[in-house]
């Protein structure tokens, strides 16, 4: 059971990293400042 839990945690971390990467790329491609992009997308800049 431990290995299944570890696998799920690892997959969740990988998915989160992929989502963050996509958001960072979208912000950079938008030409907006981080604060403005985050505000327009409902994301707190500190996250």
C-alpha atoms as a PDB file:
ATOM      1  CA  UNK A   1       0.000   0.000   0.000  1.00  0.00           C
ATOM      2  CA  UNK A   2       2.901   2.341   0.763  1.00  0.00           C
ATOM      3  CA  UNK A   3       4.168   2.174  -2.834  1.00  0.00           C
ATOM      4  CA  UNK A   4       0.700   3.008  -4.225  1.00  0.00           C
ATOM      5  CA  UNK A   5       0.478   6.032  -1.969  1.00  0.00           C
ATOM      6  CA  UNK A   6       3.965   7.121  -2.983  1.00  0.00           C
ATOM      7  CA  UNK A   7       3.073   6.692  -6.660  1.00  0.00           C
ATOM      8  CA  UNK A   8      -0.078   8.790  -6.292  1.00  0.00           C
ATOM      9  CA  UNK A   9       1.839  11.543  -4.489  1.00  0.00           C
ATOM     10  CA  UNK A  10       4.537  11.511  -7.168  1.00  0.00           C
ATOM     11  CA  UNK A  11       1.957  11.715  -9.959  1.00  0.00           C
ATOM     12  CA  UNK A  12       0.158  14.592  -8.223  1.00  0.00           C
ATOM     13  CA  UNK A  13       3.459  16.461  -7.863  1.00  0.00           C
ATOM     14  CA  UNK A  14       4.281  15.917 -11.536  1.00  0.00           C
ATOM     15  CA  UNK A  15       0.845  17.139 -12.635  1.00  0.00           C
ATOM     16  CA  UNK A  16       1.164  20.219 -10.425  1.00  0.00           C
ATOM     17  CA  UNK A  17       4.605  20.953 -11.894  1.00  0.00           C
ATOM     18  CA  UNK A  18       3.216  20.620 -15.433  1.00  0.00           C
ATOM     19  CA  UNK A  19       0.355  22.998 -14.589  1.00  0.00           C
ATOM     20  CA  UNK A  20       2.746  25.562 -13.105  1.00  0.00           C
ATOM     21  CA  UNK A  21       5.014  25.272 -16.134  1.00  0.00           C
ATOM     22  CA  UNK A  22       2.074  25.884 -18.477  1.00  0.00           C
ATOM     23  CA  UNK A  23       0.953  28.902 -16.436  1.00  0.00           C
ATOM     24  CA  UNK A  24       4.442  30.408 -16.394  1.00  0.00           C
ATOM     25  CA  UNK A  25       4.786  29.904 -20.143  1.00  0.00           C
ATOM     26  CA  UNK A  26       1.364  31.466 -20.734  1.00  0.00           C
ATOM     27  CA  UNK A  27       2.271  34.491 -18.615  1.00  0.00           C
ATOM     28  CA  UNK A  28       5.566  34.981 -20.418  1.00  0.00           C
ATOM     29  CA  UNK A  29       3.931  34.643 -23.842  1.00  0.00           C
ATOM     30  CA  UNK A  30       1.185  37.118 -22.891  1.00  0.00           C
ATOM     31  CA  UNK A  31       3.538  40.066 -22.526  1.00  0.00           C
ATOM     32  CA  UNK A  32       1.727  41.024 -19.309  1.00  0.00           C
ATOM     33  CA  UNK A  33       3.449  41.565 -16.007  1.00  0.00           C
ATOM     34  CA  UNK A  34       3.195  38.701 -13.553  1.00  0.00           C
ATOM     35  CA  UNK A  35       0.831  40.673 -11.318  1.00  0.00           C
ATOM     36  CA  UNK A  36      -1.466  41.686 -14.183  1.00  0.00           C
ATOM     37  CA  UNK A  37      -1.538  38.189 -15.687  1.00  0.00           C
ATOM     38  CA  UNK A  38      -2.269  36.632 -12.302  1.00  0.00           C
ATOM     39  CA  UNK A  39      -5.046  39.128 -11.611  1.00  0.00           C
ATOM     40  CA  UNK A  40      -6.651  38.437 -14.994  1.00  0.00           C
ATOM     41  CA  UNK A  41      -6.439  34.698 -14.381  1.00  0.00           C
ATOM     42  CA  UNK A  42      -7.605  34.692 -10.772  1.00  0.00           C
ATOM     43  CA  UNK A  43      -4.269  33.533  -9.370  1.00  0.00           C
ATOM     44  CA  UNK A  44      -2.562  34.972  -6.306  1.00  0.00           C
ATOM     45  CA  UNK A  45       0.928  36.118  -7.385  1.00  0.00           C
ATOM     46  CA  UNK A  46       2.504  34.643  -4.249  1.00  0.00           C
ATOM     47  CA  UNK A  47       1.415  31.151  -5.232  1.00  0.00           C
END
